[in-house]
Amino acid sequence: MSVDDRARQRQAADAIRDVLTAEAEVRRKVEACREQLAQALAVEQERARAIEQRTSERLSRLHAHCEQRTEQRIAELRARADSQAVHIELNPGDHADLQVAVDQLSARLIGADDG
């Protein structure tokens, strides 16, 4: 083998070694990026879970507060309606007249009274 051939073989071997070294470095950097991405993703997923948990708790408290206010308002309206309602006391004779009117209306509604 000539000196030129040996020199070319060394150059080729050096070039291949440089390529393999560069390839290994790129793989190491890609793996490091993947690890950083995985860590960042885990942090953001935990942050999202915390936000979801706080949101759920706030919505539960808001729902309970609205439910309480609604019940309170209903009680206030019922009390107001009761206090403003007209209280009528019927005479004993009025009960009988009222029963007759109810019976007649009932008969008309079910069609028993055609005329």
PDB file of N, CA and C in Angstrom:
ATOM      1  N   MET A   1       0.853  -1.155   0.000  1.00  0.00           N
ATOM      2  CA  MET A   1       0.000   0.000   0.000  1.00  0.00           C
ATOM      3  C   MET A   1       0.905   1.225   0.000  1.00  0.00           C
ATOM      4  N   SER A   2       0.506   2.174  -0.765  1.00  0.00           N
ATOM      5  CA  SER A   2       1.340   3.370  -0.911  1.00  0.00           C
ATOM      6  C   SER A   2       1.069   4.341   0.222  1.00  0.00           C
ATOM      7  N   VAL A   3       1.929   5.296   0.352  1.00  0.00           N
ATOM      8  CA  VAL A   3       1.816   6.321   1.383  1.00  0.00           C
ATOM      9  C   VAL A   3       0.538   7.128   1.165  1.00  0.00           C
ATOM     10  N   ASP A   4       0.246   7.418  -0.082  1.00  0.00           N
ATOM     11  CA  ASP A   4      -0.980   8.175  -0.377  1.00  0.00           C
ATOM     12  C   ASP A   4      -2.227   7.377   0.026  1.00  0.00           C
ATOM     13  N   ASP A   5      -2.202   6.070  -0.225  1.00  0.00           N
ATOM     14  CA  ASP A   5      -3.345   5.240   0.149  1.00  0.00           C
ATOM     15  C   ASP A   5      -3.532   5.203   1.669  1.00  0.00           C
ATOM     16  N   ARG A   6      -2.412   5.091   2.382  1.00  0.00           N
ATOM     17  CA  ARG A   6      -2.487   5.081   3.850  1.00  0.00           C
ATOM     18  C   ARG A   6      -2.991   6.428   4.374  1.00  0.00           C
ATOM     19  N   ALA A   7      -2.549   7.470   3.773  1.00  0.00           N
ATOM     20  CA  ALA A   7      -2.987   8.809   4.186  1.00  0.00           C
ATOM     21  C   ALA A   7      -4.486   8.969   3.921  1.00  0.00           C
ATOM     22  N   ARG A   8      -4.930   8.483   2.797  1.00  0.00           N
ATOM     23  CA  ARG A   8      -6.371   8.560   2.491  1.00  0.00           C
ATOM     24  C   ARG A   8      -7.182   7.695   3.463  1.00  0.00           C
ATOM     25  N   GLN A   9      -6.660   6.518   3.811  1.00  0.00           N
ATOM     26  CA  GLN A   9      -7.360   5.652   4.749  1.00  0.00           C
ATOM     27  C   GLN A   9      -7.454   6.327   6.122  1.00  0.00           C
ATOM     28  N   ARG A  10      -6.359   6.944   6.537  1.00  0.00           N
ATOM     29  CA  ARG A  10      -6.385   7.662   7.819  1.00  0.00           C
ATOM     30  C   ARG A  10      -7.375   8.818   7.778  1.00  0.00           C
ATOM     31  N   GLN A  11      -7.374   9.544   6.680  1.00  0.00           N
ATOM     32  CA  GLN A  11      -8.323  10.656   6.541  1.00  0.00           C
ATOM     33  C   GLN A  11      -9.755  10.139   6.566  1.00  0.00           C
ATOM     34  N   ALA A  12      -9.986   9.032   5.865  1.00  0.00           N
ATOM     35  CA  ALA A  12     -11.327   8.446   5.841  1.00  0.00           C
ATOM     36  C   ALA A  12     -11.713   7.966   7.244  1.00  0.00           C
ATOM     37  N   ALA A  13     -10.789   7.314   7.917  1.00  0.00           N
ATOM     38  CA  ALA A  13     -11.045   6.827   9.276  1.00  0.00           C
ATOM     39  C   ALA A  13     -11.300   7.998  10.220  1.00  0.00           C
ATOM     40  N   ASP A  14     -10.500   9.053  10.083  1.00  0.00           N
ATOM     41  CA  ASP A  14     -10.704  10.246  10.915  1.00  0.00           C
ATOM     42  C   ASP A  14     -12.065  10.874  10.639  1.00  0.00           C
ATOM     43  N   ALA A  15     -12.433  10.938   9.363  1.00  0.00           N
ATOM     44  CA  ALA A  15     -13.727  11.529   8.984  1.00  0.00           C
ATOM     45  C   ALA A  15     -14.872  10.701   9.553  1.00  0.00           C
ATOM     46  N   ILE A  16     -14.758   9.371   9.469  1.00  0.00           N
ATOM     47  CA  ILE A  16     -15.805   8.489  10.009  1.00  0.00           C
ATOM     48  C   ILE A  16     -15.887   8.653  11.526  1.00  0.00           C
ATOM     49  N   ARG A  17     -14.727   8.701  12.195  1.00  0.00           N
ATOM     50  CA  ARG A  17     -14.704   8.892  13.649  1.00  0.00           C
ATOM     51  C   ARG A  17     -15.352  10.225  14.020  1.00  0.00           C
ATOM     52  N   ASP A  18     -15.040  11.283  13.244  1.00  0.00           N
ATOM     53  CA  ASP A  18     -15.639  12.601  13.507  1.00  0.00           C
ATOM     54  C   ASP A  18     -17.158  12.548  13.347  1.00  0.00           C
ATOM     55  N   VAL A  19     -17.608  11.848  12.293  1.00  0.00           N
ATOM     56  CA  VAL A  19     -19.059  11.728  12.064  1.00  0.00           C
ATOM     57  C   VAL A  19     -19.705  10.957  13.209  1.00  0.00           C
ATOM     58  N   LEU A  20     -19.094   9.847  13.620  1.00  0.00           N
ATOM     59  CA  LEU A  20     -19.661   9.045  14.714  1.00  0.00           C
ATOM     60  C   LEU A  20     -19.659   9.821  16.033  1.00  0.00           C
ATOM     61  N   THR A  21     -18.596  10.599  16.264  1.00  0.00           N
ATOM     62  CA  THR A  21     -18.531  11.428  17.465  1.00  0.00           C
ATOM     63  C   THR A  21     -19.630  12.491  17.436  1.00  0.00           C
ATOM     64  N   ALA A  22     -19.801  13.125  16.285  1.00  0.00           N
ATOM     65  CA  ALA A  22     -20.841  14.150  16.143  1.00  0.00           C
ATOM     66  C   ALA A  22     -22.230  13.531  16.319  1.00  0.00           C
ATOM     67  N   GLU A  23     -22.417  12.348  15.750  1.00  0.00           N
ATOM     68  CA  GLU A  23     -23.704  11.652  15.873  1.00  0.00           C
ATOM     69  C   GLU A  23     -23.986  11.314  17.338  1.00  0.00           C
ATOM     70  N   ALA A  24     -22.986  10.842  18.052  1.00  0.00           N
ATOM     71  CA  ALA A  24     -23.163  10.523  19.467  1.00  0.00           C
ATOM     72  C   ALA A  24     -23.500  11.779  20.271  1.00  0.00           C
ATOM     73  N   GLU A  25     -22.852  12.883  19.938  1.00  0.00           N
ATOM     74  CA  GLU A  25     -23.119  14.154  20.623  1.00  0.00           C
ATOM     75  C   GLU A  25     -24.555  14.617  20.355  1.00  0.00           C
ATOM     76  N   VAL A  26     -24.984  14.473  19.101  1.00  0.00           N
ATOM     77  CA  VAL A  26     -26.358  14.866  18.758  1.00  0.00           C
ATOM     78  C   VAL A  26     -27.352  13.996  19.518  1.00  0.00           C
ATOM     79  N   ARG A  27     -27.093  12.689  19.579  1.00  0.00           N
ATOM     80  CA  ARG A  27     -27.996  11.792  20.324  1.00  0.00           C
ATOM     81  C   ARG A  27     -28.047  12.175  21.808  1.00  0.00           C
ATOM     82  N   ARG A  28     -26.906  12.496  22.384  1.00  0.00           N
ATOM     83  CA  ARG A  28     -26.859  12.898  23.791  1.00  0.00           C
ATOM     84  C   ARG A  28     -27.676  14.168  24.006  1.00  0.00           C
ATOM     85  N   LYS A  29     -27.520  15.139  23.088  1.00  0.00           N
ATOM     86  CA  LYS A  29     -28.269  16.396  23.212  1.00  0.00           C
ATOM     87  C   LYS A  29     -29.769  16.171  23.023  1.00  0.00           C
ATOM     88  N   VAL A  30     -30.145  15.312  22.072  1.00  0.00           N
ATOM     89  CA  VAL A  30     -31.563  15.001  21.860  1.00  0.00           C
ATOM     90  C   VAL A  30     -32.145  14.353  23.119  1.00  0.00           C
ATOM     91  N   GLU A  31     -31.405  13.418  23.716  1.00  0.00           N
ATOM     92  CA  GLU A  31     -31.880  12.763  24.943  1.00  0.00           C
ATOM     93  C   GLU A  31     -32.012  13.775  26.081  1.00  0.00           C
ATOM     94  N   ALA A  32     -31.052  14.689  26.179  1.00  0.00           N
ATOM     95  CA  ALA A  32     -31.126  15.721  27.218  1.00  0.00           C
ATOM     96  C   ALA A  32     -32.359  16.596  26.994  1.00  0.00           C
ATOM     97  N   CYS A  33     -32.653  16.928  25.754  1.00  0.00           N
ATOM     98  CA  CYS A  33     -33.844  17.725  25.443  1.00  0.00           C
ATOM     99  C   CYS A  33     -35.113  16.968  25.804  1.00  0.00           C
ATOM    100  N   ARG A  34     -35.134  15.673  25.502  1.00  0.00           N
ATOM    101  CA  ARG A  34     -36.308  14.854  25.850  1.00  0.00           C
ATOM    102  C   ARG A  34     -36.536  14.844  27.365  1.00  0.00           C
ATOM    103  N   GLU A  35     -35.444  14.696  28.110  1.00  0.00           N
ATOM    104  CA  GLU A  35     -35.560  14.679  29.569  1.00  0.00           C
ATOM    105  C   GLU A  35     -36.068  16.021  30.094  1.00  0.00           C
ATOM    106  N   GLN A  36     -35.544  17.111  29.542  1.00  0.00           N
ATOM    107  CA  GLN A  36     -36.009  18.441  29.957  1.00  0.00           C
ATOM    108  C   GLN A  36     -37.486  18.610  29.618  1.00  0.00           C
ATOM    109  N   LEU A  37     -37.864  18.164  28.438  1.00  0.00           N
ATOM    110  CA  LEU A  37     -39.258  18.271  28.024  1.00  0.00           C
ATOM    111  C   LEU A  37     -40.160  17.447  28.937  1.00  0.00           C
ATOM    112  N   ALA A  38     -39.727  16.233  29.284  1.00  0.00           N
ATOM    113  CA  ALA A  38     -40.514  15.383  30.179  1.00  0.00           C
ATOM    114  C   ALA A  38     -40.681  16.035  31.547  1.00  0.00           C
ATOM    115  N   GLN A  39     -39.624  16.646  32.052  1.00  0.00           N
ATOM    116  CA  GLN A  39     -39.696  17.321  33.349  1.00  0.00           C
ATOM    117  C   GLN A  39     -40.632  18.539  33.270  1.00  0.00           C
ATOM    118  N   ALA A  40     -40.486  19.316  32.209  1.00  0.00           N
ATOM    119  CA  ALA A  40     -41.344  20.500  32.037  1.00  0.00           C
ATOM    120  C   ALA A  40     -42.801  20.080  31.891  1.00  0.00           C
ATOM    121  N   LEU A  41     -43.038  19.000  31.162  1.00  0.00           N
ATOM    122  CA  LEU A  41     -44.394  18.499  30.989  1.00  0.00           C
ATOM    123  C   LEU A  41     -44.986  18.048  32.320  1.00  0.00           C
ATOM    124  N   ALA A  42     -44.203  17.344  33.113  1.00  0.00           N
ATOM    125  CA  ALA A  42     -44.677  16.897  34.433  1.00  0.00           C
ATOM    126  C   ALA A  42     -45.024  18.081  35.324  1.00  0.00           C
ATOM    127  N   VAL A  43     -44.182  19.113  35.302  1.00  0.00           N
ATOM    128  CA  VAL A  43     -44.447  20.316  36.097  1.00  0.00           C
ATOM    129  C   VAL A  43     -45.746  20.970  35.646  1.00  0.00           C
ATOM    130  N   GLU A  44     -45.933  21.099  34.344  1.00  0.00           N
ATOM    131  CA  GLU A  44     -47.135  21.754  33.820  1.00  0.00           C
ATOM    132  C   GLU A  44     -48.392  20.916  34.066  1.00  0.00           C
ATOM    133  N   GLN A  45     -48.261  19.596  34.006  1.00  0.00           N
ATOM    134  CA  GLN A  45     -49.407  18.736  34.309  1.00  0.00           C
ATOM    135  C   GLN A  45     -49.815  18.879  35.772  1.00  0.00           C
ATOM    136  N   GLU A  46     -48.841  18.951  36.655  1.00  0.00           N
ATOM    137  CA  GLU A  46     -49.141  19.146  38.079  1.00  0.00           C
ATOM    138  C   GLU A  46     -49.790  20.511  38.298  1.00  0.00           C
ATOM    139  N   ARG A  47     -49.275  21.503  37.612  1.00  0.00           N
ATOM    140  CA  ARG A  47     -49.855  22.852  37.713  1.00  0.00           C
ATOM    141  C   ARG A  47     -51.300  22.851  37.222  1.00  0.00           C
ATOM    142  N   ALA A  48     -51.554  22.153  36.116  1.00  0.00           N
ATOM    143  CA  ALA A  48     -52.922  22.066  35.584  1.00  0.00           C
ATOM    144  C   ALA A  48     -53.840  21.343  36.565  1.00  0.00           C
ATOM    145  N   ARG A  49     -53.336  20.264  37.194  1.00  0.00           N
ATOM    146  CA  ARG A  49     -54.147  19.550  38.197  1.00  0.00           C
ATOM    147  C   ARG A  49     -54.481  20.459  39.375  1.00  0.00           C
ATOM    148  N   ALA A  50     -53.520  21.247  39.801  1.00  0.00           N
ATOM    149  CA  ALA A  50     -53.757  22.167  40.927  1.00  0.00           C
ATOM    150  C   ALA A  50     -54.800  23.216  40.555  1.00  0.00           C
ATOM    151  N   ILE A  51     -54.697  23.733  39.348  1.00  0.00           N
ATOM    152  CA  ILE A  51     -55.683  24.725  38.882  1.00  0.00           C
ATOM    153  C   ILE A  51     -57.066  24.089  38.821  1.00  0.00           C
ATOM    154  N   GLU A  52     -57.146  22.879  38.287  1.00  0.00           N
ATOM    155  CA  GLU A  52     -58.429  22.180  38.200  1.00  0.00           C
ATOM    156  C   GLU A  52     -59.016  21.939  39.590  1.00  0.00           C
ATOM    157  N   GLN A  53     -58.170  21.552  40.535  1.00  0.00           N
ATOM    158  CA  GLN A  53     -58.630  21.303  41.903  1.00  0.00           C
ATOM    159  C   GLN A  53     -59.170  22.586  42.541  1.00  0.00           C
ATOM    160  N   ARG A  54     -58.415  23.681  42.401  1.00  0.00           N
ATOM    161  CA  ARG A  54     -58.878  24.960  42.974  1.00  0.00           C
ATOM    162  C   ARG A  54     -60.186  25.397  42.318  1.00  0.00           C
ATOM    163  N   THR A  55     -60.276  25.229  41.006  1.00  0.00           N
ATOM    164  CA  THR A  55     -61.495  25.614  40.294  1.00  0.00           C
ATOM    165  C   THR A  55     -62.682  24.795  40.780  1.00  0.00           C
ATOM    166  N   SER A  56     -62.478  23.511  40.932  1.00  0.00           N
ATOM    167  CA  SER A  56     -63.547  22.629  41.408  1.00  0.00           C
ATOM    168  C   SER A  56     -64.000  23.023  42.815  1.00  0.00           C
ATOM    169  N   GLU A  57     -63.044  23.310  43.685  1.00  0.00           N
ATOM    170  CA  GLU A  57     -63.389  23.724  45.045  1.00  0.00           C
ATOM    171  C   GLU A  57     -64.155  25.040  45.044  1.00  0.00           C
ATOM    172  N   ARG A  58     -63.705  25.984  44.231  1.00  0.00           N
ATOM    173  CA  ARG A  58     -64.396  27.280  44.156  1.00  0.00           C
ATOM    174  C   ARG A  58     -65.811  27.115  43.623  1.00  0.00           C
ATOM    175  N   LEU A  59     -65.968  26.276  42.591  1.00  0.00           N
ATOM    176  CA  LEU A  59     -67.304  26.050  42.035  1.00  0.00           C
ATOM    177  C   LEU A  59     -68.218  25.386  43.060  1.00  0.00           C
ATOM    178  N   SER A  60     -67.676  24.472  43.827  1.00  0.00           N
ATOM    179  CA  SER A  60     -68.479  23.809  44.864  1.00  0.00           C
ATOM    180  C   SER A  60     -68.939  24.817  45.918  1.00  0.00           C
ATOM    181  N   ARG A  61     -68.012  25.678  46.339  1.00  0.00           N
ATOM    182  CA  ARG A  61     -68.389  26.706  47.325  1.00  0.00           C
ATOM    183  C   ARG A  61     -69.422  27.667  46.742  1.00  0.00           C
ATOM    184  N   LEU A  62     -69.229  28.059  45.492  1.00  0.00           N
ATOM    185  CA  LEU A  62     -70.177  28.967  44.835  1.00  0.00           C
ATOM    186  C   LEU A  62     -71.547  28.321  44.720  1.00  0.00           C
ATOM    187  N   HIS A  63     -71.569  27.055  44.326  1.00  0.00           N
ATOM    188  CA  HIS A  63     -72.838  26.333  44.204  1.00  0.00           C
ATOM    189  C   HIS A  63     -73.541  26.259  45.560  1.00  0.00           C
ATOM    190  N   ALA A  64     -72.801  25.933  46.605  1.00  0.00           N
ATOM    191  CA  ALA A  64     -73.396  25.847  47.942  1.00  0.00           C
ATOM    192  C   ALA A  64     -73.935  27.204  48.381  1.00  0.00           C
ATOM    193  N   HIS A  65     -73.173  28.271  48.108  1.00  0.00           N
ATOM    194  CA  HIS A  65     -73.622  29.615  48.476  1.00  0.00           C
ATOM    195  C   HIS A  65     -74.907  29.974  47.716  1.00  0.00           C
ATOM    196  N   CYS A  66     -74.936  29.687  46.418  1.00  0.00           N
ATOM    197  CA  CYS A  66     -76.136  29.993  45.616  1.00  0.00           C
ATOM    198  C   CYS A  66     -77.336  29.197  46.114  1.00  0.00           C
ATOM    199  N   GLU A  67     -77.104  27.944  46.440  1.00  0.00           N
ATOM    200  CA  GLU A  67     -78.181  27.102  46.954  1.00  0.00           C
ATOM    201  C   GLU A  67     -78.723  27.678  48.269  1.00  0.00           C
ATOM    202  N   GLN A  68     -77.815  28.092  49.138  1.00  0.00           N
ATOM    203  CA  GLN A  68     -78.220  28.675  50.424  1.00  0.00           C
ATOM    204  C   GLN A  68     -79.000  29.965  50.205  1.00  0.00           C
ATOM    205  N   ARG A  69     -78.505  30.827  49.327  1.00  0.00           N
ATOM    206  CA  ARG A  69     -79.194  32.097  49.052  1.00  0.00           C
ATOM    207  C   ARG A  69     -80.574  31.846  48.435  1.00  0.00           C
ATOM    208  N   THR A  70     -80.658  30.862  47.545  1.00  0.00           N
ATOM    209  CA  THR A  70     -81.943  30.541  46.917  1.00  0.00           C
ATOM    210  C   THR A  70     -82.941  30.068  47.968  1.00  0.00           C
ATOM    211  N   GLU A  71     -82.511  29.169  48.845  1.00  0.00           N
ATOM    212  CA  GLU A  71     -83.397  28.671  49.909  1.00  0.00           C
ATOM    213  C   GLU A  71     -83.815  29.810  50.836  1.00  0.00           C
ATOM    214  N   GLN A  72     -82.871  30.684  51.147  1.00  0.00           N
ATOM    215  CA  GLN A  72     -83.169  31.819  52.012  1.00  0.00           C
ATOM    216  C   GLN A  72     -84.190  32.741  51.343  1.00  0.00           C
ATOM    217  N   ARG A  73     -83.990  33.002  50.066  1.00  0.00           N
ATOM    218  CA  ARG A  73     -84.911  33.891  49.332  1.00  0.00           C
ATOM    219  C   ARG A  73     -86.304  33.268  49.230  1.00  0.00           C
ATOM    220  N   ILE A  74     -86.355  31.956  48.995  1.00  0.00           N
ATOM    221  CA  ILE A  74     -87.655  31.267  48.943  1.00  0.00           C
ATOM    222  C   ILE A  74     -88.368  31.392  50.288  1.00  0.00           C
ATOM    223  N   ALA A  75     -87.639  31.203  51.369  1.00  0.00           N
ATOM    224  CA  ALA A  75     -88.238  31.330  52.706  1.00  0.00           C
ATOM    225  C   ALA A  75     -88.753  32.750  52.933  1.00  0.00           C
ATOM    226  N   GLU A  76     -87.964  33.750  52.495  1.00  0.00           N
ATOM    227  CA  GLU A  76     -88.405  35.149  52.641  1.00  0.00           C
ATOM    228  C   GLU A  76     -89.671  35.409  51.830  1.00  0.00           C
ATOM    229  N   LEU A  77     -89.717  34.915  50.609  1.00  0.00           N
ATOM    230  CA  LEU A  77     -90.899  35.123  49.765  1.00  0.00           C
ATOM    231  C   LEU A  77     -92.127  34.419  50.333  1.00  0.00           C
ATOM    232  N   ARG A  78     -91.920  33.212  50.863  1.00  0.00           N
ATOM    233  CA  ARG A  78     -93.057  32.497  51.482  1.00  0.00           C
ATOM    234  C   ARG A  78     -93.573  33.250  52.704  1.00  0.00           C
ATOM    235  N   ALA A  79     -92.649  33.742  53.520  1.00  0.00           N
ATOM    236  CA  ALA A  79     -93.063  34.493  54.708  1.00  0.00           C
ATOM    237  C   ALA A  79     -93.802  35.755  54.297  1.00  0.00           C
ATOM    238  N   ARG A  80     -93.294  36.431  53.285  1.00  0.00           N
ATOM    239  CA  ARG A  80     -93.958  37.654  52.800  1.00  0.00           C
ATOM    240  C   ARG A  80     -95.342  37.342  52.239  1.00  0.00           C
ATOM    241  N   ALA A  81     -95.427  36.242  51.472  1.00  0.00           N
ATOM    242  CA  ALA A  81     -96.721  35.845  50.909  1.00  0.00           C
ATOM    243  C   ALA A  81     -97.697  35.497  52.024  1.00  0.00           C
ATOM    244  N   ASP A  82     -97.220  34.802  53.030  1.00  0.00           N
ATOM    245  CA  ASP A  82     -98.091  34.451  54.156  1.00  0.00           C
ATOM    246  C   ASP A  82     -98.559  35.687  54.912  1.00  0.00           C
ATOM    247  N   SER A  83     -97.671  36.651  55.067  1.00  0.00           N
ATOM    248  CA  SER A  83     -98.049  37.845  55.823  1.00  0.00           C
ATOM    249  C   SER A  83     -99.004  38.736  55.032  1.00  0.00           C
ATOM    250  N   GLN A  84     -98.920  38.663  53.703  1.00  0.00           N
ATOM    251  CA  GLN A  84     -99.775  39.518  52.872  1.00  0.00           C
ATOM    252  C   GLN A  84    -101.032  38.806  52.383  1.00  0.00           C
ATOM    253  N   ALA A  85    -101.162  37.530  52.677  1.00  0.00           N
ATOM    254  CA  ALA A  85    -102.317  36.767  52.198  1.00  0.00           C
ATOM    255  C   ALA A  85    -103.588  37.241  52.901  1.00  0.00           C
ATOM    256  N   VAL A  86    -104.652  37.232  52.153  1.00  0.00           N
ATOM    257  CA  VAL A  86    -105.954  37.602  52.709  1.00  0.00           C
ATOM    258  C   VAL A  86    -106.507  36.355  53.404  1.00  0.00           C
ATOM    259  N   HIS A  87    -106.847  36.534  54.655  1.00  0.00           N
ATOM    260  CA  HIS A  87    -107.399  35.421  55.416  1.00  0.00           C
ATOM    261  C   HIS A  87    -108.912  35.597  55.475  1.00  0.00           C
ATOM    262  N   ILE A  88    -109.607  34.639  54.876  1.00  0.00           N
ATOM    263  CA  ILE A  88    -111.069  34.696  54.822  1.00  0.00           C
ATOM    264  C   ILE A  88    -111.632  33.582  55.700  1.00  0.00           C
ATOM    265  N   GLU A  89    -112.569  33.953  56.498  1.00  0.00           N
ATOM    266  CA  GLU A  89    -113.250  32.970  57.324  1.00  0.00           C
ATOM    267  C   GLU A  89    -114.674  32.846  56.793  1.00  0.00           C
ATOM    268  N   LEU A  90    -115.005  31.640  56.428  1.00  0.00           N
ATOM    269  CA  LEU A  90    -116.339  31.398  55.869  1.00  0.00           C
ATOM    270  C   LEU A  90    -117.349  31.126  56.989  1.00  0.00           C
ATOM    271  N   ASN A  91    -118.556  31.595  56.752  1.00  0.00           N
ATOM    272  CA  ASN A  91    -119.656  31.260  57.647  1.00  0.00           C
ATOM    273  C   ASN A  91    -120.038  29.808  57.368  1.00  0.00           C
ATOM    274  N   PRO A  92    -120.686  29.164  58.336  1.00  0.00           N
ATOM    275  CA  PRO A  92    -121.069  27.761  58.109  1.00  0.00           C
ATOM    276  C   PRO A  92    -121.909  27.579  56.850  1.00  0.00           C
ATOM    277  N   GLY A  93    -122.771  28.496  56.536  1.00  0.00           N
ATOM    278  CA  GLY A  93    -123.594  28.389  55.324  1.00  0.00           C
ATOM    279  C   GLY A  93    -122.773  28.528  54.054  1.00  0.00           C
ATOM    280  N   ASP A  94    -121.699  29.309  54.128  1.00  0.00           N
ATOM    281  CA  ASP A  94    -120.838  29.499  52.955  1.00  0.00           C
ATOM    282  C   ASP A  94    -120.131  28.210  52.562  1.00  0.00           C
ATOM    283  N   HIS A  95    -119.833  27.353  53.539  1.00  0.00           N
ATOM    284  CA  HIS A  95    -119.181  26.080  53.233  1.00  0.00           C
ATOM    285  C   HIS A  95    -120.054  25.240  52.312  1.00  0.00           C
ATOM    286  N   ALA A  96    -121.334  25.200  52.628  1.00  0.00           N
ATOM    287  CA  ALA A  96    -122.246  24.402  51.809  1.00  0.00           C
ATOM    288  C   ALA A  96    -122.332  24.982  50.400  1.00  0.00           C
ATOM    289  N   ASP A  97    -122.444  26.324  50.290  1.00  0.00           N
ATOM    290  CA  ASP A  97    -122.512  26.969  48.965  1.00  0.00           C
ATOM    291  C   ASP A  97    -121.230  26.719  48.168  1.00  0.00           C
ATOM    292  N   LEU A  98    -120.134  26.787  48.837  1.00  0.00           N
ATOM    293  CA  LEU A  98    -118.853  26.552  48.178  1.00  0.00           C
ATOM    294  C   LEU A  98    -118.766  25.105  47.683  1.00  0.00           C
ATOM    295  N   GLN A  99    -119.219  24.162  48.470  1.00  0.00           N
ATOM    296  CA  GLN A  99    -119.192  22.756  48.066  1.00  0.00           C
ATOM    297  C   GLN A  99    -120.069  22.526  46.847  1.00  0.00           C
ATOM    298  N   VAL A 100    -121.225  23.181  46.800  1.00  0.00           N
ATOM    299  CA  VAL A 100    -122.117  23.052  45.640  1.00  0.00           C
ATOM    300  C   VAL A 100    -121.419  23.609  44.394  1.00  0.00           C
ATOM    301  N   ALA A 101    -120.770  24.755  44.511  1.00  0.00           N
ATOM    302  CA  ALA A 101    -120.072  25.362  43.374  1.00  0.00           C
ATOM    303  C   ALA A 101    -118.935  24.455  42.896  1.00  0.00           C
ATOM    304  N   VAL A 102    -118.196  23.865  43.825  1.00  0.00           N
ATOM    305  CA  VAL A 102    -117.109  22.959  43.461  1.00  0.00           C
ATOM    306  C   VAL A 102    -117.662  21.740  42.751  1.00  0.00           C
ATOM    307  N   ASP A 103    -118.762  21.180  43.257  1.00  0.00           N
ATOM    308  CA  ASP A 103    -119.363  19.998  42.628  1.00  0.00           C
ATOM    309  C   ASP A 103    -119.838  20.314  41.211  1.00  0.00           C
ATOM    310  N   GLN A 104    -120.442  21.479  41.022  1.00  0.00           N
ATOM    311  CA  GLN A 104    -120.929  21.862  39.690  1.00  0.00           C
ATOM    312  C   GLN A 104    -119.756  22.061  38.707  1.00  0.00           C
ATOM    313  N   LEU A 105    -118.737  22.733  39.161  1.00  0.00           N
ATOM    314  CA  LEU A 105    -117.571  22.955  38.308  1.00  0.00           C
ATOM    315  C   LEU A 105    -116.913  21.625  37.955  1.00  0.00           C
ATOM    316  N   SER A 106    -116.811  20.759  38.922  1.00  0.00           N
ATOM    317  CA  SER A 106    -116.213  19.435  38.684  1.00  0.00           C
ATOM    318  C   SER A 106    -117.012  18.665  37.662  1.00  0.00           C
ATOM    319  N   ALA A 107    -118.306  18.707  37.776  1.00  0.00           N
ATOM    320  CA  ALA A 107    -119.163  17.993  36.827  1.00  0.00           C
ATOM    321  C   ALA A 107    -119.003  18.552  35.421  1.00  0.00           C
ATOM    322  N   ARG A 108    -118.920  19.868  35.299  1.00  0.00           N
ATOM    323  CA  ARG A 108    -118.728  20.481  33.982  1.00  0.00           C
ATOM    324  C   ARG A 108    -117.390  20.095  33.384  1.00  0.00           C
ATOM    325  N   LEU A 109    -116.371  20.067  34.203  1.00  0.00           N
ATOM    326  CA  LEU A 109    -115.028  19.760  33.704  1.00  0.00           C
ATOM    327  C   LEU A 109    -114.907  18.324  33.204  1.00  0.00           C
ATOM    328  N   ILE A 110    -115.606  17.393  33.835  1.00  0.00           N
ATOM    329  CA  ILE A 110    -115.524  15.999  33.396  1.00  0.00           C
ATOM    330  C   ILE A 110    -116.623  15.644  32.411  1.00  0.00           C
ATOM    331  N   GLY A 111    -117.454  16.621  32.072  1.00  0.00           N
ATOM    332  CA  GLY A 111    -118.458  16.410  31.044  1.00  0.00           C
ATOM    333  C   GLY A 111    -119.738  15.787  31.535  1.00  0.00           C
ATOM    334  N   ALA A 112    -119.950  15.683  32.838  1.00  0.00           N
ATOM    335  CA  ALA A 112    -121.179  15.067  33.367  1.00  0.00           C
ATOM    336  C   ALA A 112    -122.365  16.008  33.210  1.00  0.00           C
ATOM    337  N   ASP A 113    -122.095  17.281  33.107  1.00  0.00           N
ATOM    338  CA  ASP A 113    -123.177  18.258  32.984  1.00  0.00           C
ATOM    339  C   ASP A 113    -123.059  18.877  31.598  1.00  0.00           C
ATOM    340  N   ASP A 114    -123.895  18.483  30.668  1.00  0.00           N
ATOM    341  CA  ASP A 114    -123.844  18.977  29.289  1.00  0.00           C
ATOM    342  C   ASP A 114    -124.635  20.224  29.078  1.00  0.00           C
ATOM    343  N   GLY A 115    -125.119  20.814  30.023  1.00  0.00           N
ATOM    344  CA  GLY A 115    -125.890  21.954  29.667  1.00  0.00           C
ATOM    345  C   GLY A 115    -126.082  22.929  30.680  1.00  0.00           C
TER     346      GLY A 115
END
